Structure formats: C-alpha cells, structure tokens
Amino acid sequence: MAGKTNQIATLFAQKKLLGKANTSALKADSQETIGSNIQVASQTIFGQAIPTSPARTLYLLQSASAGADATVEYVQFDLTSIAGTTYDANVGSFGSTGFGGGDEAQSSGPHSYKLALSASYQASSSNGKAGAGTYDNSKVLYTTIGALQIVPPNFSNDSPNPYIMKLYSADPSDEANEIPLLDEVDWSIDYYNGIVFLQDYSASKVPLYARAFLYVGKMLDEVVASGSSSSSSSSSSSSSSSGTDDTREKKVYTVTGSHTAGSAFRVANTSFNKSGYRPNMIDVFLNGQLLHSGTSAQVSSDDADYTITSDNQIKLNSDLATNDLVDAITYLTSSSVTGFSSGLPSKIVYAVTGTHTQGIPVKLTSVDFSKASYDPDKIHIFLNGQLLTSGSSYDYTLEGSESGATFSFNLENNDIVTAMLIG
C-alpha cells in the first residue's frame, strides 16, 4: 500500500507548527496564505466537556453527561477546491520526478479542499447558534479563524474512533462513496481549519462531502466570561434582588433569526444548572410575558410554554421571530439552599378550576403571603404570564391570613395564576 511520503509528512508538520495550512507541496511556508493553529488563544480553545463516545447521527446535539450543555454535533460538510493548489504531484516544476511529493502516477489536479457547512445547515440543525453569524449556511470553516472547528480524534479512545472524519466523493448516504483514510490518494485533514489535503490526486476520487463532529459548545473565553459575569454590576447582563451580585442573574437575549416551535433555542450566557434546574429558581419571559415551564411532552401538547433541554437551551411551544426578546432570570444557588433562607424566590403556579367573580377573595392553594409579610414589594402575581399591579385601584389586593387575593376582574377556568414571593 502506498503511503504519505516523507516530503509530504514533513511539509504538513512544518507548516502546521508555523501556523500555516499545507495546501501545496510546491509552496514554501511563506507562500501559504491560509492559517492554521495549535490551539493557544482562549477564543479557539474548547471550554466545555466533550463526549468520548458520541453517536454518528446527523445533526444530533450531544453532551458529555446527562443534563450538561450539548458540545458536539455530527454534521455534513461541502468541499470545494482551493485555487492555486492544482499541480501534478508526481512531477516537479522543473521536470524532476517526485518534486510535488506524490508517489503515484497521476494527472494534474487540485490537492487542497476547504470544508464549509452545507447550504441547508440552518434548516437541518437544532443548534441554537445556527444563523447567528458563525454557524451559518455555507460558512467556510477556515474563514472563522477557529470559531468553527471539527473535534479531533484525541477526544476518544473508541475503536473505530467516532471523531475520525469521513470523506466522500459522492452522496454520503451510500457508504460505497467513502474515500477511506487509508485510500491511496493519501488525504490529511487539519481539524482546526477544515482544510483537506490530497497527496495524490485522482479524478475518480475528488472529495465533495465530509461528515464529522462540529464543536458547538462554548469556547474558553466565553466560559470564563460567563463564570465571572455574576459579579458584574452591569444592568444589561445581571442584577441582584438581595443586595449581592451572586444571587440573581438576568440575561436579555435578542433573537437574531427565526426559530420554529419545538426546536432547541440557546439563551446565550445563561446557566440553568446554577439554579439546579428548579422551576422556582428560574423565570423565562418572552417579550415581557412570563412563560410556564414543564416537560417536553407538556410543551408538545401545549400544556406548558417551555422546557429546559440543557444548561442554556430551552424548547418552546411557539415560534420565535427576529428581534423577539427573551429574558432569563436565574437565582444562583446550591441544591441545599431553600428559598427564604437566602432571599431566594418561592414560586407557586395555581391553575384556576372554575369561574371566580371579581371582588370575591380567591384562595391560592399552597401560597402563604405571610412569608413575604404581605409586602407588595416582595410579592409578584402573574395572570397567564402577565404581571399584575397590586392595590385597591388596580388588579388585586391581598387577603391576609386566608392566603387569598381579591381580583378586580373575573378569573376563568384554566387561567394560570403564578405567585412569586421573595423572602
């Protein structure tokens, strides 16, 4: 079996160490225009755990552990040749055999190809980042300078290794079209910049598609920033309800593209895990409307507005449109902390089971307003997600020891009353 020549192996390694891609055996490192990298900058270093045994299921988002952020997605890529990389690898520019690094009889052809997300990526993927400027249709990987990277094989010890990229000369759904890694075209992939290099060109094995795991998690700089954001006093990213910046975080996210109901949506820089995924420690608003959480099945049947699918992703029962505003409020706590001991919220959701006439007190089961001293500043009541205003001239008044409230309007069957008490 033919193999990579010493010349090609040396050029690949030498150019990589110099921060360059190897696109042609006829080019010196100073002539290469596409960069490469051995990850050193925080914005190009993977910041979250990567699963060691992921499934090769197209467009499935996978995490390293249950409940953790999804960090990898098995993706199909399109390949196109790179201009200026066409030559006969078995004949040198001065007529000397082997100057181009090849060891097979061949014709002249392009030796380097660039990977790009497919033109249908945004429609195929449930990645919450899709369409936001980086994970976009037809985005060429190397142009993102490390923002888009393929996960390399060193993240798994499985055999066969799921992270070894698969290369195809035609429709990838037919395995007969695969160009194996040990094929005599002797191809190499730079997992950082998505550049495929062929030592030996074959017109019958021109690579057109590839499948590999794309990293979709946070880079190290984002992890560091989100980890320290709770200590920031900036009103645009966080706020505090009890005088300390490590108790309450509020993130406001402007939707940058359409998202269909039922698809995963990422709320940037939010960590639901910090709140233990507990509903009374998490509030999500859509355009100012409080949403109600539930299971995935409840969302699908329209019995709940959203469900949390990972540390910073939710699935909604409604579509999102460009410029919609999603507010996520999380109370940062360990699993041992219970609401009122630390000024954290107690949130009770009450489903109305019949018609209640305005002006007649309604007892909200399991709600004890005395825990908040009947103080309107510490009590928030929502009706079907809409914040109400307390007071005799407004929406409701509290009824003391009966833990009830008198509303200035009728309550109808299946209305949802949410009482939020801050201790």
Protein backbone atom coordinates (compact mmCIF):
# COMPACT_ATOMS: atom_id res chain seq x y z
CA MET A 1 0.00 0.00 0.00
CA ALA A 2 1.23 3.47 -0.84
CA GLY A 3 1.63 5.91 2.00
CA LYS A 4 2.38 9.53 2.64
CA THR A 5 5.89 10.39 1.56
CA ASN A 6 8.41 11.84 3.97
CA GLN A 7 8.26 15.06 1.98
CA ILE A 8 4.51 15.45 2.46
CA ALA A 9 4.57 14.44 6.13
CA THR A 10 7.39 16.89 6.80
CA LEU A 11 5.69 19.75 4.97
CA PHE A 12 2.40 19.15 6.78
CA ALA A 13 4.03 19.15 10.23
CA GLN A 14 6.41 22.02 9.50
CA LYS A 15 3.74 24.32 8.13
CA LYS A 16 1.38 23.44 10.97
CA LEU A 17 3.98 24.45 13.53
CA LEU A 18 4.49 27.72 11.67
CA GLY A 19 0.77 28.49 11.77
CA LYS A 20 0.14 27.71 8.12
CA ALA A 21 -2.04 25.23 6.24
CA ASN A 22 -0.36 22.81 3.84
CA THR A 23 -2.21 23.36 0.55
CA SER A 24 0.53 22.54 -1.95
CA ALA A 25 3.80 20.64 -1.99
CA LEU A 26 5.04 23.25 -4.47
CA LYS A 27 4.57 26.09 -1.98
CA ALA A 28 7.01 27.12 0.71
CA ASP A 29 5.52 28.04 4.08
CA SER A 30 5.98 31.71 3.20
CA GLN A 31 3.73 31.21 0.17
CA GLU A 32 0.83 29.65 2.07
CA THR A 33 -1.99 32.14 2.68
CA ILE A 34 -4.37 30.08 4.85
CA GLY A 35 -3.53 29.95 8.54
CA SER A 36 -3.59 27.01 10.93
CA ASN A 37 -3.07 26.72 14.66
CA ILE A 38 -2.17 24.60 17.62
CA GLN A 39 -4.89 25.93 19.92
CA VAL A 40 -3.48 28.57 22.23
CA ALA A 41 -5.93 31.50 22.31
CA SER A 42 -8.90 31.31 24.70
CA GLN A 43 -11.36 32.11 21.90
CA THR A 44 -10.28 28.98 20.00
CA ILE A 45 -9.91 26.54 22.91
CA PHE A 46 -12.82 24.20 23.66
CA GLY A 47 -14.22 25.34 27.01
CA GLN A 48 -16.68 22.54 27.81
CA ALA A 49 -16.52 18.78 28.19
CA ILE A 50 -16.76 16.66 25.04
CA PRO A 51 -18.40 13.21 24.95
CA THR A 52 -15.96 10.35 24.48
CA SER A 53 -18.36 8.02 22.65
CA PRO A 54 -20.79 10.10 20.60
CA ALA A 55 -23.23 8.59 18.12
CA ARG A 56 -22.72 9.34 14.43
CA THR A 57 -26.28 10.57 13.98
CA LEU A 58 -26.60 13.54 11.65
CA TYR A 59 -27.41 16.84 13.37
CA LEU A 60 -27.87 15.24 16.79
CA LEU A 61 -26.64 17.56 19.55
CA GLN A 62 -24.77 15.57 22.19
CA SER A 63 -23.27 16.35 25.59
CA ALA A 64 -20.61 14.77 27.77
CA SER A 65 -23.11 13.93 30.54
CA ALA A 66 -26.84 13.98 31.18
CA GLY A 67 -28.18 17.49 31.65
CA ALA A 68 -24.97 19.14 30.51
CA ASP A 69 -24.60 21.52 27.58
CA ALA A 70 -24.52 19.96 24.13
CA THR A 71 -20.97 20.36 22.82
CA VAL A 72 -20.80 18.29 19.62
CA GLU A 73 -22.99 17.86 16.56
CA TYR A 74 -22.46 15.35 13.76
CA VAL A 75 -22.56 17.45 10.61
CA GLN A 76 -22.29 17.04 6.84
CA PHE A 77 -19.93 19.45 5.08
CA ASP A 78 -19.48 20.52 1.48
CA LEU A 79 -15.98 20.60 -0.03
CA THR A 80 -14.65 22.84 -2.78
CA SER A 81 -11.13 23.03 -4.16
CA ILE A 82 -8.79 25.85 -3.23
CA ALA A 83 -7.48 27.98 -6.06
CA GLY A 84 -3.75 27.74 -6.73
CA THR A 85 -3.38 24.16 -5.47
CA THR A 86 -3.54 22.39 -8.86
CA TYR A 87 -0.40 20.52 -9.95
CA ASP A 88 0.93 17.07 -10.85
CA ALA A 89 2.32 15.78 -7.55
CA ASN A 90 4.49 13.22 -9.33
CA VAL A 91 6.31 15.76 -11.48
CA GLY A 92 8.23 18.76 -10.21
CA SER A 93 8.05 22.25 -11.63
CA PHE A 94 11.47 21.68 -13.20
CA GLY A 95 10.61 18.25 -14.60
CA SER A 96 12.15 16.29 -11.72
CA THR A 97 10.10 13.29 -10.65
CA GLY A 98 8.62 13.45 -7.14
CA PHE A 99 9.16 17.17 -6.50
CA GLY A 100 5.43 17.53 -5.82
CA GLY A 101 5.55 14.94 -3.05
CA GLY A 102 3.45 12.27 -4.75
CA ASP A 103 4.26 8.60 -5.13
CA GLU A 104 1.57 7.57 -7.64
CA ALA A 105 1.22 8.13 -11.39
CA GLN A 106 -1.43 10.82 -11.71
CA SER A 107 -2.71 13.74 -13.70
CA SER A 108 -2.67 17.35 -12.64
CA GLY A 109 -5.48 18.35 -10.31
CA PRO A 110 -6.33 20.35 -7.16
CA HIS A 111 -4.76 18.99 -4.00
CA SER A 112 -6.46 21.12 -1.32
CA TYR A 113 -10.13 21.50 -0.42
CA LYS A 114 -11.96 23.68 2.10
CA LEU A 115 -14.81 22.47 4.29
CA ALA A 116 -17.98 24.54 4.61
CA LEU A 117 -21.26 23.99 6.42
CA SER A 118 -23.86 22.79 3.95
CA ALA A 119 -26.28 25.21 2.30
CA SER A 120 -29.09 23.58 4.31
CA TYR A 121 -27.35 23.58 7.70
CA GLN A 122 -29.72 26.01 9.41
CA ALA A 123 -32.78 24.05 8.28
CA SER A 124 -31.25 20.70 9.31
CA SER A 125 -29.76 21.67 12.66
CA SER A 126 -31.40 22.40 16.02
CA ASN A 127 -28.26 24.22 17.15
CA GLY A 128 -29.42 27.39 18.90
CA LYS A 129 -26.46 29.25 17.41
CA ALA A 130 -27.47 28.49 13.83
CA GLY A 131 -27.98 31.58 11.74
CA ALA A 132 -26.41 33.94 14.27
CA GLY A 133 -23.35 34.82 12.20
CA THR A 134 -21.00 31.87 12.64
CA TYR A 135 -22.97 28.63 12.40
CA ASP A 136 -24.49 29.76 9.10
CA ASN A 137 -25.34 28.11 5.80
CA SER A 138 -22.26 27.62 3.56
CA LYS A 139 -19.90 29.10 6.16
CA VAL A 140 -16.30 28.13 5.28
CA LEU A 141 -14.55 26.88 8.41
CA TYR A 142 -11.13 28.45 7.94
CA THR A 143 -12.66 31.92 7.47
CA THR A 144 -13.93 31.86 11.09
CA ILE A 145 -10.35 31.71 12.45
CA GLY A 146 -11.14 28.91 14.87
CA ALA A 147 -14.72 29.82 15.80
CA LEU A 148 -15.84 26.74 13.86
CA GLN A 149 -13.74 23.64 14.48
CA ILE A 150 -14.03 19.92 13.89
CA VAL A 151 -13.44 17.82 17.00
CA PRO A 152 -10.21 15.82 16.52
CA PRO A 153 -9.79 12.09 17.31
CA ASN A 154 -7.80 12.65 20.51
CA PHE A 155 -11.08 13.07 22.42
CA SER A 156 -11.94 9.37 22.18
CA ASN A 157 -10.24 6.02 22.68
CA ASP A 158 -13.01 4.08 20.95
CA SER A 159 -12.21 1.79 18.06
CA PRO A 160 -13.24 2.80 15.48
CA ASN A 161 -12.77 6.35 16.66
CA PRO A 162 -16.01 8.33 16.08
CA TYR A 163 -14.08 11.58 15.69
CA ILE A 164 -12.15 10.49 12.60
CA MET A 165 -13.65 12.47 9.75
CA LYS A 166 -15.30 10.59 6.86
CA LEU A 167 -14.65 11.82 3.32
CA TYR A 168 -16.89 11.13 0.30
CA SER A 169 -16.65 11.51 -3.48
CA ALA A 170 -20.45 11.47 -3.91
CA ASP A 171 -23.65 11.10 -1.88
CA PRO A 172 -22.57 10.18 1.69
CA SER A 173 -25.72 8.15 2.26
CA ASP A 174 -24.06 5.49 0.09
CA GLU A 175 -21.04 4.16 2.01
CA ALA A 176 -19.53 2.97 -1.29
CA ASN A 177 -18.73 6.63 -1.98
CA GLU A 178 -16.46 6.96 1.04
CA ILE A 179 -12.78 7.73 0.46
CA PRO A 180 -11.19 5.84 3.38
CA LEU A 181 -8.41 7.44 5.37
CA LEU A 182 -6.03 4.77 4.07
CA ASP A 183 -7.01 5.30 0.44
CA GLU A 184 -4.11 5.77 -1.96
CA VAL A 185 -4.95 9.44 -2.51
CA ASP A 186 -3.38 9.73 0.99
CA TRP A 187 -5.51 12.57 2.33
CA SER A 188 -4.98 14.56 5.51
CA ILE A 189 -7.36 16.80 7.42
CA ASP A 190 -6.45 19.80 9.55
CA TYR A 191 -9.18 19.60 12.20
CA TYR A 192 -8.59 23.19 13.28
CA ASN A 193 -9.18 24.96 9.96
CA GLY A 194 -11.08 22.35 7.97
CA ILE A 195 -8.55 22.03 5.13
CA VAL A 196 -8.29 18.65 3.39
CA PHE A 197 -5.02 17.93 1.57
CA LEU A 198 -4.55 15.17 -1.02
CA GLN A 199 -1.02 13.93 -1.53
CA ASP A 200 -2.03 12.16 -4.76
CA TYR A 201 -4.82 13.46 -6.99
CA SER A 202 -7.29 11.07 -8.60
CA ALA A 203 -10.02 12.34 -10.91
CA SER A 204 -12.23 9.43 -9.81
CA LYS A 205 -11.95 10.31 -6.11
CA VAL A 206 -12.47 14.06 -5.89
CA PRO A 207 -13.78 14.81 -2.37
CA LEU A 208 -17.16 16.56 -2.43
CA TYR A 209 -18.59 15.88 1.04
CA ALA A 210 -17.41 15.11 4.55
CA ARG A 211 -19.03 14.12 7.82
CA ALA A 212 -17.50 14.94 11.18
CA PHE A 213 -18.32 16.24 14.65
CA LEU A 214 -18.56 20.03 14.85
CA TYR A 215 -17.84 21.65 18.21
CA VAL A 216 -20.93 23.63 19.26
CA GLY A 217 -20.12 24.38 22.89
CA LYS A 218 -18.61 27.45 24.48
CA MET A 219 -15.03 28.45 23.87
CA LEU A 220 -12.82 29.06 26.89
CA ASP A 221 -13.17 32.84 26.73
CA GLU A 222 -16.97 32.56 26.90
CA VAL A 223 -16.81 30.13 29.82
CA VAL A 224 -14.51 32.49 31.72
CA ALA A 225 -16.73 35.47 30.91
CA SER A 226 -19.97 33.74 31.93
CA GLY A 227 -18.34 32.42 35.09
CA SER A 228 -17.40 35.91 36.17
CA SER A 229 -20.47 37.70 34.84
CA SER A 230 -22.39 37.17 38.08
CA SER A 231 -20.00 39.54 39.82
CA SER A 232 -20.71 42.26 37.26
CA SER A 233 -23.00 45.11 38.20
CA SER A 234 -23.92 45.89 34.59
CA SER A 235 -27.68 46.27 34.34
CA SER A 236 -27.63 44.85 30.81
CA SER A 237 -26.37 41.46 31.90
CA SER A 238 -27.08 40.90 35.59
CA SER A 239 -28.88 42.28 38.58
CA SER A 240 -29.38 41.41 42.21
CA SER A 241 -32.56 41.11 44.24
CA SER A 242 -30.94 40.82 47.65
CA GLY A 243 -28.04 43.22 47.53
CA THR A 244 -25.42 40.74 46.37
CA ASP A 245 -24.42 40.16 42.76
CA ASP A 246 -24.01 36.40 43.25
CA THR A 247 -27.68 35.71 43.98
CA ARG A 248 -29.60 36.70 40.88
CA GLU A 249 -28.66 36.87 37.20
CA LYS A 250 -30.74 38.38 34.45
CA LYS A 251 -29.82 37.85 30.83
CA VAL A 252 -31.60 39.57 27.96
CA TYR A 253 -31.24 37.93 24.56
CA THR A 254 -32.40 39.44 21.27
CA VAL A 255 -33.44 36.75 18.80
CA THR A 256 -31.43 37.11 15.59
CA GLY A 257 -33.32 34.68 13.39
CA SER A 258 -36.50 32.64 13.19
CA HIS A 259 -36.82 29.50 15.32
CA THR A 260 -39.68 27.08 14.86
CA ALA A 261 -41.69 25.75 17.79
CA GLY A 262 -40.19 22.58 19.23
CA SER A 263 -36.62 23.33 18.19
CA ALA A 264 -33.83 23.91 20.69
CA PHE A 265 -33.12 27.57 21.40
CA ARG A 266 -29.97 28.74 23.15
CA VAL A 267 -30.21 31.60 25.68
CA ALA A 268 -26.66 32.94 25.46
CA ASN A 269 -24.55 33.15 28.65
CA THR A 270 -27.30 31.65 30.82
CA SER A 271 -26.70 28.69 33.11
CA PHE A 272 -29.86 26.94 34.31
CA ASN A 273 -27.64 24.42 36.05
CA LYS A 274 -26.60 27.11 38.55
CA SER A 275 -30.23 27.15 39.68
CA GLY A 276 -30.37 23.38 39.90
CA TYR A 277 -32.90 23.36 37.03
CA ARG A 278 -35.57 24.10 39.68
CA PRO A 279 -38.64 25.93 38.30
CA ASN A 280 -38.97 28.23 41.32
CA MET A 281 -35.39 29.42 40.74
CA ILE A 282 -35.81 30.16 37.03
CA ASP A 283 -38.01 32.70 35.24
CA VAL A 284 -38.16 32.98 31.46
CA PHE A 285 -40.01 35.84 29.74
CA LEU A 286 -40.83 36.26 26.05
CA ASN A 287 -41.37 39.88 25.09
CA GLY A 288 -42.18 40.59 28.74
CA GLN A 289 -44.61 37.68 29.12
CA LEU A 290 -43.79 35.15 31.85
CA LEU A 291 -43.57 31.64 30.41
CA HIS A 292 -44.52 28.49 32.29
CA SER A 293 -42.17 25.52 32.35
CA GLY A 294 -42.98 21.86 32.03
CA THR A 295 -41.85 18.61 30.49
CA SER A 296 -41.10 18.10 26.83
CA ALA A 297 -44.38 16.21 26.46
CA GLN A 298 -46.30 19.09 28.05
CA VAL A 299 -44.68 21.54 25.66
CA SER A 300 -45.62 19.37 22.69
CA SER A 301 -49.24 19.21 23.90
CA ASP A 302 -49.34 22.98 24.66
CA ASP A 303 -49.77 22.38 28.40
CA ALA A 304 -46.52 24.27 29.08
CA ASP A 305 -44.68 27.09 27.34
CA TYR A 306 -41.14 25.74 27.50
CA THR A 307 -38.88 23.03 28.83
CA ILE A 308 -35.17 23.19 29.63
CA THR A 309 -33.17 20.84 27.40
CA SER A 310 -29.63 21.66 28.57
CA ASP A 311 -27.67 24.15 30.66
CA ASN A 312 -28.57 27.08 28.40
CA GLN A 313 -31.11 25.71 25.94
CA ILE A 314 -34.90 25.63 26.02
CA LYS A 315 -37.60 24.23 23.76
CA LEU A 316 -40.63 26.47 23.25
CA ASN A 317 -44.17 25.63 22.15
CA SER A 318 -44.24 28.74 19.95
CA ASP A 319 -42.18 30.17 17.12
CA LEU A 320 -39.56 32.83 17.71
CA ALA A 321 -39.01 35.67 15.27
CA THR A 322 -36.15 38.09 14.68
CA ASN A 323 -36.00 40.81 17.37
CA ASP A 324 -38.11 38.89 19.89
CA LEU A 325 -36.72 39.43 23.39
CA VAL A 326 -36.05 36.52 25.74
CA ASP A 327 -35.31 37.38 29.38
CA ALA A 328 -33.90 34.64 31.58
CA ILE A 329 -33.68 35.23 35.33
CA THR A 330 -31.81 32.64 37.35
CA TYR A 331 -31.22 32.53 41.06
CA LEU A 332 -27.78 31.11 41.77
CA THR A 333 -27.92 28.51 44.47
CA SER A 334 -26.63 25.12 45.54
CA SER A 335 -29.06 22.22 45.74
CA SER A 336 -29.19 22.52 49.54
CA VAL A 337 -30.49 26.09 49.64
CA THR A 338 -34.24 26.61 50.03
CA GLY A 339 -35.76 29.91 49.01
CA PHE A 340 -36.40 32.11 52.03
CA SER A 341 -33.21 31.33 53.95
CA SER A 342 -31.20 33.23 51.34
CA GLY A 343 -33.65 35.78 49.94
CA LEU A 344 -34.43 33.50 47.03
CA PRO A 345 -37.90 33.18 45.47
CA SER A 346 -40.78 30.90 46.23
CA LYS A 347 -42.93 30.45 43.14
CA ILE A 348 -46.30 28.71 43.12
CA VAL A 349 -48.31 28.08 39.96
CA TYR A 350 -52.06 27.81 40.54
CA ALA A 351 -54.47 26.57 37.86
CA VAL A 352 -57.95 28.05 38.18
CA THR A 353 -60.56 25.27 38.21
CA GLY A 354 -63.69 27.35 37.86
CA THR A 355 -65.02 30.85 37.32
CA HIS A 356 -64.26 33.32 40.13
CA THR A 357 -66.19 36.57 40.18
CA GLN A 358 -64.32 39.82 40.61
CA GLY A 359 -64.34 41.24 44.15
CA ILE A 360 -64.62 37.83 45.81
CA PRO A 361 -61.44 36.55 47.53
CA VAL A 362 -59.74 33.63 45.86
CA LYS A 363 -57.61 31.33 47.96
CA LEU A 364 -54.49 30.34 46.07
CA THR A 365 -53.64 26.82 47.23
CA SER A 366 -50.17 26.42 48.84
CA VAL A 367 -49.46 30.17 48.72
CA ASP A 368 -48.64 31.78 52.08
CA PHE A 369 -48.26 35.53 51.62
CA SER A 370 -47.24 35.90 55.28
CA LYS A 371 -43.80 34.55 54.35
CA ALA A 372 -43.28 37.81 52.47
CA SER A 373 -45.01 39.85 55.20
CA TYR A 374 -47.79 40.76 52.73
CA ASP A 375 -45.34 43.29 51.34
CA PRO A 376 -46.22 44.21 47.71
CA ASP A 377 -42.54 44.89 47.04
CA LYS A 378 -41.80 41.22 47.80
CA ILE A 379 -44.81 39.70 46.05
CA HIS A 380 -45.41 39.40 42.31
CA ILE A 381 -48.58 37.89 40.88
CA PHE A 382 -48.92 36.98 37.20
CA LEU A 383 -52.11 36.06 35.37
CA ASN A 384 -51.44 33.89 32.33
CA GLY A 385 -47.91 35.28 32.36
CA GLN A 386 -48.93 38.96 32.61
CA LEU A 387 -47.59 40.82 35.66
CA LEU A 388 -50.40 42.35 37.73
CA THR A 389 -50.28 45.53 39.81
CA SER A 390 -51.37 45.38 43.46
CA GLY A 391 -53.63 47.94 45.12
CA SER A 392 -57.34 48.63 45.61
CA SER A 393 -57.42 50.74 42.46
CA TYR A 394 -55.51 48.23 40.37
CA ASP A 395 -55.57 44.49 39.64
CA TYR A 396 -55.68 42.78 43.04
CA THR A 397 -55.44 43.11 46.82
CA LEU A 398 -54.18 40.56 49.35
CA GLU A 399 -56.45 38.94 51.92
CA GLY A 400 -54.21 38.33 54.94
CA SER A 401 -54.42 35.08 56.87
CA GLU A 402 -56.52 33.26 54.29
CA SER A 403 -53.61 33.44 51.84
CA GLY A 404 -56.02 34.70 49.22
CA ALA A 405 -56.28 37.57 46.78
CA THR A 406 -59.19 39.63 45.53
CA PHE A 407 -59.07 40.42 41.82
CA SER A 408 -60.69 43.34 40.03
CA PHE A 409 -61.81 41.05 37.20
CA ASN A 410 -63.25 37.59 36.73
CA LEU A 411 -60.97 34.56 36.71
CA GLU A 412 -61.90 31.90 34.18
CA ASN A 413 -61.46 28.15 34.20
CA ASN A 414 -57.90 27.13 33.22
CA ASP A 415 -56.45 30.59 33.87
CA ILE A 416 -52.98 30.31 35.35
CA VAL A 417 -52.11 32.41 38.40
CA THR A 418 -48.45 32.48 39.36
CA ALA A 419 -47.48 33.85 42.77
CA MET A 420 -43.82 34.73 43.28
CA LEU A 421 -42.64 35.59 46.77
CA ILE A 422 -39.19 36.98 47.56
CA GLY A 423 -38.15 36.14 51.10
